[in-house]
Amino acid sequence: MKLLEKNFIGKQKLCNRIVMPPMCMYMAEDGLVNDFHIAHYTTRALGGVGMIIVESTAVTPNGRISKNDLGLWNNKHINGLKRLTDNIKKYGAVAAVQLNHAGRKSEIANSLPVAPSAIYFSDKYPIPVSLSVDEIHEIIQSFQDAAVRAVEAGFDLIEIHGAHGYLIHEFLSPFSNTRTDEYGGT
């Protein structure tokens, strides 16, 4: 049965082809791993999942989908995530993380969401602040810094979330991006 055969993603060897996709659990405080995360992901590794992609993990505090998302915008997040990856790997699974910025779909209280253009996602969301070119560069750097932290935390693979109407996807759609500079147009 192919499902239970070993497989590779690049040079990363998986014990089988079962992959747990990222699912937002909304259980973190200040972006930090807690006992819930350790129990949740370790149990999946114990159950024989070949690769676990840890939930949407924000690269900036205002880039979280909710206030309870995991984060990698700060070095204080590394130790908890290291504990998590150690537990995942201990039981034979590959540890991956999904890095994200929610863009105009961020629901952080007392913080306006940001986006390529000042176009709200729906009438349930505030109008986002249109990012300056310098701010775009800062967010790009935040993704880079979070990736470095992810490696330091022991993740084997990194996935960049570029879909579902979040920030990267917003730059790709004329429904959310009306810029005329190098970050807009066709």
C-alpha atoms as a PDB file:
ATOM      1  CA  MET A   1       0.000   0.000   0.000  1.00  0.00           C
ATOM      2  CA  LYS A   2       1.590   3.254  -1.208  1.00  0.00           C
ATOM      3  CA  LEU A   3       0.139   5.320   1.659  1.00  0.00           C
ATOM      4  CA  LEU A   4       2.363   3.567   4.182  1.00  0.00           C
ATOM      5  CA  GLU A   5       5.508   3.525   2.027  1.00  0.00           C
ATOM      6  CA  LYS A   6       8.427   5.795   2.835  1.00  0.00           C
ATOM      7  CA  ASN A   7       8.612   8.908   0.721  1.00  0.00           C
ATOM      8  CA  PHE A   8      10.749  11.984   0.194  1.00  0.00           C
ATOM      9  CA  ILE A   9      10.011  15.681  -0.069  1.00  0.00           C
ATOM     10  CA  GLY A  10      13.229  16.948  -1.556  1.00  0.00           C
ATOM     11  CA  LYS A  11      15.919  15.368   0.618  1.00  0.00           C
ATOM     12  CA  GLN A  12      13.588  15.072   3.617  1.00  0.00           C
ATOM     13  CA  LYS A  13      12.639  11.449   4.270  1.00  0.00           C
ATOM     14  CA  LEU A  14       9.130  10.692   5.517  1.00  0.00           C
ATOM     15  CA  CYS A  15       8.304   7.383   7.240  1.00  0.00           C
ATOM     16  CA  ASN A  16       5.032   7.287   5.246  1.00  0.00           C
ATOM     17  CA  ARG A  17       2.893   9.500   3.007  1.00  0.00           C
ATOM     18  CA  ILE A  18       0.461  10.603   5.703  1.00  0.00           C
ATOM     19  CA  VAL A  19       0.677  14.366   6.142  1.00  0.00           C
ATOM     20  CA  MET A  20      -1.257  16.345   8.711  1.00  0.00           C
ATOM     21  CA  PRO A  21      -2.085  19.709   7.154  1.00  0.00           C
ATOM     22  CA  PRO A  22      -1.905  22.928   9.155  1.00  0.00           C
ATOM     23  CA  MET A  23      -5.053  23.647  11.140  1.00  0.00           C
ATOM     24  CA  CYS A  24      -5.524  26.818  13.146  1.00  0.00           C
ATOM     25  CA  MET A  25      -6.085  25.798  16.737  1.00  0.00           C
ATOM     26  CA  TYR A  26      -6.341  29.328  18.226  1.00  0.00           C
ATOM     27  CA  MET A  27      -4.895  28.203  21.571  1.00  0.00           C
ATOM     28  CA  ALA A  28      -1.710  30.301  21.907  1.00  0.00           C
ATOM     29  CA  GLU A  29      -1.206  33.350  24.101  1.00  0.00           C
ATOM     30  CA  ASP A  30       1.187  35.990  22.779  1.00  0.00           C
ATOM     31  CA  GLY A  31       2.142  33.523  20.056  1.00  0.00           C
ATOM     32  CA  LEU A  32       3.659  31.037  22.519  1.00  0.00           C
ATOM     33  CA  VAL A  33       3.421  27.234  22.487  1.00  0.00           C
ATOM     34  CA  ASN A  34       1.668  25.786  25.531  1.00  0.00           C
ATOM     35  CA  ASP A  35       0.772  22.331  26.856  1.00  0.00           C
ATOM     36  CA  PHE A  36      -2.185  22.093  24.473  1.00  0.00           C
ATOM     37  CA  HIS A  37       0.134  22.313  21.450  1.00  0.00           C
ATOM     38  CA  ILE A  38       2.557  19.773  22.899  1.00  0.00           C
ATOM     39  CA  ALA A  39      -0.254  17.285  23.559  1.00  0.00           C
ATOM     40  CA  HIS A  40      -2.060  17.928  20.264  1.00  0.00           C
ATOM     41  CA  TYR A  41       0.900  17.531  17.921  1.00  0.00           C
ATOM     42  CA  THR A  42       2.754  14.851  19.904  1.00  0.00           C
ATOM     43  CA  THR A  43      -0.376  12.693  19.856  1.00  0.00           C
ATOM     44  CA  ARG A  44      -0.485  12.890  16.057  1.00  0.00           C
ATOM     45  CA  ALA A  45       3.180  11.904  15.839  1.00  0.00           C
ATOM     46  CA  LEU A  46       2.531   8.991  18.207  1.00  0.00           C
ATOM     47  CA  GLY A  47      -0.349   7.959  15.939  1.00  0.00           C
ATOM     48  CA  GLY A  48       2.011   7.476  13.018  1.00  0.00           C
ATOM     49  CA  VAL A  49       1.633  10.626  10.923  1.00  0.00           C
ATOM     50  CA  GLY A  50       4.637  10.950   8.592  1.00  0.00           C
ATOM     51  CA  MET A  51       4.734  14.750   8.530  1.00  0.00           C
ATOM     52  CA  ILE A  52       3.023  17.314  10.717  1.00  0.00           C
ATOM     53  CA  ILE A  53       2.627  20.858   9.428  1.00  0.00           C
ATOM     54  CA  VAL A  54       2.166  23.056  12.478  1.00  0.00           C
ATOM     55  CA  GLU A  55      -0.651  25.567  12.215  1.00  0.00           C
ATOM     56  CA  SER A  56      -0.499  29.010  10.668  1.00  0.00           C
ATOM     57  CA  THR A  57       2.299  30.769  12.535  1.00  0.00           C
ATOM     58  CA  ALA A  58       2.436  34.552  12.311  1.00  0.00           C
ATOM     59  CA  VAL A  59       5.547  36.445  11.244  1.00  0.00           C
ATOM     60  CA  THR A  60       4.378  39.697  12.898  1.00  0.00           C
ATOM     61  CA  PRO A  61       2.069  40.361  15.858  1.00  0.00           C
ATOM     62  CA  ASN A  62      -0.451  42.240  13.692  1.00  0.00           C
ATOM     63  CA  GLY A  63      -0.186  39.523  11.036  1.00  0.00           C
ATOM     64  CA  ARG A  64      -2.003  36.973  13.175  1.00  0.00           C
ATOM     65  CA  ILE A  65      -5.398  35.724  12.042  1.00  0.00           C
ATOM     66  CA  SER A  66      -6.527  35.840  15.677  1.00  0.00           C
ATOM     67  CA  LYS A  67      -4.909  36.860  18.944  1.00  0.00           C
ATOM     68  CA  ASN A  68      -4.472  33.146  19.722  1.00  0.00           C
ATOM     69  CA  ASP A  69      -2.254  32.189  16.766  1.00  0.00           C
ATOM     70  CA  LEU A  70       1.242  30.819  17.213  1.00  0.00           C
ATOM     71  CA  GLY A  71       4.037  33.224  16.368  1.00  0.00           C
ATOM     72  CA  LEU A  72       7.623  33.393  15.206  1.00  0.00           C
ATOM     73  CA  TRP A  73       8.032  37.175  15.168  1.00  0.00           C
ATOM     74  CA  ASN A  74      10.260  37.113  18.231  1.00  0.00           C
ATOM     75  CA  ASN A  75      13.065  34.956  19.632  1.00  0.00           C
ATOM     76  CA  LYS A  76      10.918  34.238  22.697  1.00  0.00           C
ATOM     77  CA  HIS A  77       8.879  31.847  20.527  1.00  0.00           C
ATOM     78  CA  ILE A  78      11.817  29.577  19.700  1.00  0.00           C
ATOM     79  CA  ASN A  79      12.087  27.564  22.938  1.00  0.00           C
ATOM     80  CA  GLY A  80       8.461  26.430  22.986  1.00  0.00           C
ATOM     81  CA  LEU A  81       8.560  25.529  19.314  1.00  0.00           C
ATOM     82  CA  LYS A  82      11.841  23.666  19.873  1.00  0.00           C
ATOM     83  CA  ARG A  83      10.139  21.610  22.579  1.00  0.00           C
ATOM     84  CA  LEU A  84       7.317  20.943  20.112  1.00  0.00           C
ATOM     85  CA  THR A  85       9.569  19.880  17.222  1.00  0.00           C
ATOM     86  CA  ASP A  86      11.613  17.648  19.550  1.00  0.00           C
ATOM     87  CA  ASN A  87       8.421  15.844  20.575  1.00  0.00           C
ATOM     88  CA  ILE A  88       7.187  15.492  16.996  1.00  0.00           C
ATOM     89  CA  LYS A  89      10.513  14.059  15.814  1.00  0.00           C
ATOM     90  CA  LYS A  90      10.864  11.801  18.865  1.00  0.00           C
ATOM     91  CA  TYR A  91       8.000   9.712  17.498  1.00  0.00           C
ATOM     92  CA  GLY A  92       9.197   9.580  13.899  1.00  0.00           C
ATOM     93  CA  ALA A  93       7.353  12.423  12.215  1.00  0.00           C
ATOM     94  CA  VAL A  94       8.842  15.243  10.176  1.00  0.00           C
ATOM     95  CA  ALA A  95       8.144  18.686  11.682  1.00  0.00           C
ATOM     96  CA  ALA A  96       7.048  21.441   9.304  1.00  0.00           C
ATOM     97  CA  VAL A  97       5.644  24.894   9.996  1.00  0.00           C
ATOM     98  CA  GLN A  98       3.372  27.188   8.010  1.00  0.00           C
ATOM     99  CA  LEU A  99       4.456  30.837   8.116  1.00  0.00           C
ATOM    100  CA  ASN A 100       1.738  33.389   7.491  1.00  0.00           C
ATOM    101  CA  HIS A 101       0.637  36.999   7.586  1.00  0.00           C
ATOM    102  CA  ALA A 102      -3.145  37.441   7.651  1.00  0.00           C
ATOM    103  CA  GLY A 103      -3.091  40.844   5.943  1.00  0.00           C
ATOM    104  CA  ARG A 104      -6.550  42.389   5.727  1.00  0.00           C
ATOM    105  CA  LYS A 105      -8.094  39.288   7.349  1.00  0.00           C
ATOM    106  CA  SER A 106      -6.321  39.887  10.669  1.00  0.00           C
ATOM    107  CA  GLU A 107      -8.710  40.148  13.596  1.00  0.00           C
ATOM    108  CA  ILE A 108      -6.348  41.558  16.236  1.00  0.00           C
ATOM    109  CA  ALA A 109      -8.135  44.000  18.550  1.00  0.00           C
ATOM    110  CA  ASN A 110      -6.733  47.533  18.719  1.00  0.00           C
ATOM    111  CA  SER A 111      -4.700  46.965  15.554  1.00  0.00           C
ATOM    112  CA  LEU A 112      -5.733  47.911  12.035  1.00  0.00           C
ATOM    113  CA  PRO A 113      -5.014  45.208   9.480  1.00  0.00           C
ATOM    114  CA  VAL A 114      -2.628  45.948   6.630  1.00  0.00           C
ATOM    115  CA  ALA A 115      -2.957  45.092   2.954  1.00  0.00           C
ATOM    116  CA  PRO A 116      -1.625  46.005  -0.480  1.00  0.00           C
ATOM    117  CA  SER A 117      -4.548  48.430  -0.871  1.00  0.00           C
ATOM    118  CA  ALA A 118      -7.140  49.935   1.474  1.00  0.00           C
ATOM    119  CA  ILE A 119      -9.892  47.482   0.459  1.00  0.00           C
ATOM    120  CA  TYR A 120     -11.674  45.565   3.186  1.00  0.00           C
ATOM    121  CA  PHE A 121     -12.219  41.804   2.970  1.00  0.00           C
ATOM    122  CA  SER A 122     -15.904  42.110   3.851  1.00  0.00           C
ATOM    123  CA  ASP A 123     -18.112  44.486   5.797  1.00  0.00           C
ATOM    124  CA  LYS A 124     -17.272  42.441   8.922  1.00  0.00           C
ATOM    125  CA  TYR A 125     -13.644  43.612   8.715  1.00  0.00           C
ATOM    126  CA  PRO A 126     -12.215  47.134   9.032  1.00  0.00           C
ATOM    127  CA  ILE A 127     -10.680  48.885   6.063  1.00  0.00           C
ATOM    128  CA  PRO A 128      -6.990  47.940   6.138  1.00  0.00           C
ATOM    129  CA  VAL A 129      -4.077  50.324   6.013  1.00  0.00           C
ATOM    130  CA  SER A 130      -2.381  50.294   2.612  1.00  0.00           C
ATOM    131  CA  LEU A 131       1.239  49.247   3.043  1.00  0.00           C
ATOM    132  CA  SER A 132       4.050  51.549   1.980  1.00  0.00           C
ATOM    133  CA  VAL A 133       6.917  50.046   0.000  1.00  0.00           C
ATOM    134  CA  ASP A 134       9.130  50.269   3.102  1.00  0.00           C
ATOM    135  CA  GLU A 135       6.486  48.415   5.144  1.00  0.00           C
ATOM    136  CA  ILE A 136       6.292  45.708   2.468  1.00  0.00           C
ATOM    137  CA  HIS A 137      10.063  45.294   2.732  1.00  0.00           C
ATOM    138  CA  GLU A 138       9.750  45.047   6.529  1.00  0.00           C
ATOM    139  CA  ILE A 139       7.184  42.244   6.189  1.00  0.00           C
ATOM    140  CA  ILE A 140       9.395  40.422   3.679  1.00  0.00           C
ATOM    141  CA  GLN A 141      12.193  40.674   6.247  1.00  0.00           C
ATOM    142  CA  SER A 142       9.790  39.377   8.913  1.00  0.00           C
ATOM    143  CA  PHE A 143       9.175  36.252   6.813  1.00  0.00           C
ATOM    144  CA  GLN A 144      12.936  35.792   6.453  1.00  0.00           C
ATOM    145  CA  ASP A 145      13.547  36.280  10.176  1.00  0.00           C
ATOM    146  CA  ALA A 146      10.725  33.872  11.062  1.00  0.00           C
ATOM    147  CA  ALA A 147      12.200  31.258   8.708  1.00  0.00           C
ATOM    148  CA  VAL A 148      15.571  31.551  10.467  1.00  0.00           C
ATOM    149  CA  ARG A 149      13.827  31.160  13.827  1.00  0.00           C
ATOM    150  CA  ALA A 150      11.905  28.142  12.488  1.00  0.00           C
ATOM    151  CA  VAL A 151      15.162  26.420  11.580  1.00  0.00           C
ATOM    152  CA  GLU A 152      16.569  27.274  15.009  1.00  0.00           C
ATOM    153  CA  ALA A 153      13.403  25.779  16.572  1.00  0.00           C
ATOM    154  CA  GLY A 154      14.110  22.520  14.753  1.00  0.00           C
ATOM    155  CA  PHE A 155      11.604  22.517  11.906  1.00  0.00           C
ATOM    156  CA  ASP A 156      12.586  20.295   8.983  1.00  0.00           C
ATOM    157  CA  LEU A 157      10.426  22.054   6.412  1.00  0.00           C
ATOM    158  CA  ILE A 158       8.892  25.524   6.073  1.00  0.00           C
ATOM    159  CA  GLU A 159       5.704  26.289   4.153  1.00  0.00           C
ATOM    160  CA  ILE A 160       4.855  29.865   3.207  1.00  0.00           C
ATOM    161  CA  HIS A 161       1.085  30.473   3.251  1.00  0.00           C
ATOM    162  CA  GLY A 162       0.160  32.277   0.059  1.00  0.00           C
ATOM    163  CA  ALA A 163      -3.547  31.469  -0.285  1.00  0.00           C
ATOM    164  CA  HIS A 164      -7.020  31.919   1.246  1.00  0.00           C
ATOM    165  CA  GLY A 165      -7.025  35.695   0.953  1.00  0.00           C
ATOM    166  CA  TYR A 166      -4.124  36.290   3.335  1.00  0.00           C
ATOM    167  CA  LEU A 167      -1.425  38.888   2.673  1.00  0.00           C
ATOM    168  CA  ILE A 168       0.658  37.184  -0.020  1.00  0.00           C
ATOM    169  CA  HIS A 169      -2.505  36.146  -1.855  1.00  0.00           C
ATOM    170  CA  GLU A 170      -3.836  39.704  -1.547  1.00  0.00           C
ATOM    171  CA  PHE A 171      -0.912  40.960  -3.612  1.00  0.00           C
ATOM    172  CA  LEU A 172      -1.837  38.503  -6.382  1.00  0.00           C
ATOM    173  CA  SER A 173      -5.493  39.489  -6.769  1.00  0.00           C
ATOM    174  CA  PRO A 174      -6.962  42.553  -8.498  1.00  0.00           C
ATOM    175  CA  PHE A 175      -9.809  42.345  -5.944  1.00  0.00           C
ATOM    176  CA  SER A 176      -7.425  43.320  -3.143  1.00  0.00           C
ATOM    177  CA  ASN A 177      -4.527  44.992  -4.942  1.00  0.00           C
ATOM    178  CA  THR A 178      -5.029  48.191  -6.923  1.00  0.00           C
ATOM    179  CA  ARG A 179      -1.443  49.411  -6.530  1.00  0.00           C
ATOM    180  CA  THR A 180       0.343  50.996  -9.481  1.00  0.00           C
ATOM    181  CA  ASP A 181       3.900  50.578  -8.169  1.00  0.00           C
ATOM    182  CA  GLU A 182       6.158  47.515  -8.487  1.00  0.00           C
ATOM    183  CA  TYR A 183       3.857  45.615  -6.066  1.00  0.00           C
ATOM    184  CA  GLY A 184       0.732  46.047  -8.199  1.00  0.00           C
ATOM    185  CA  GLY A 185      -0.477  45.775 -11.773  1.00  0.00           C
ATOM    186  CA  THR A 186      -0.478  42.547 -13.741  1.00  0.00           C
END
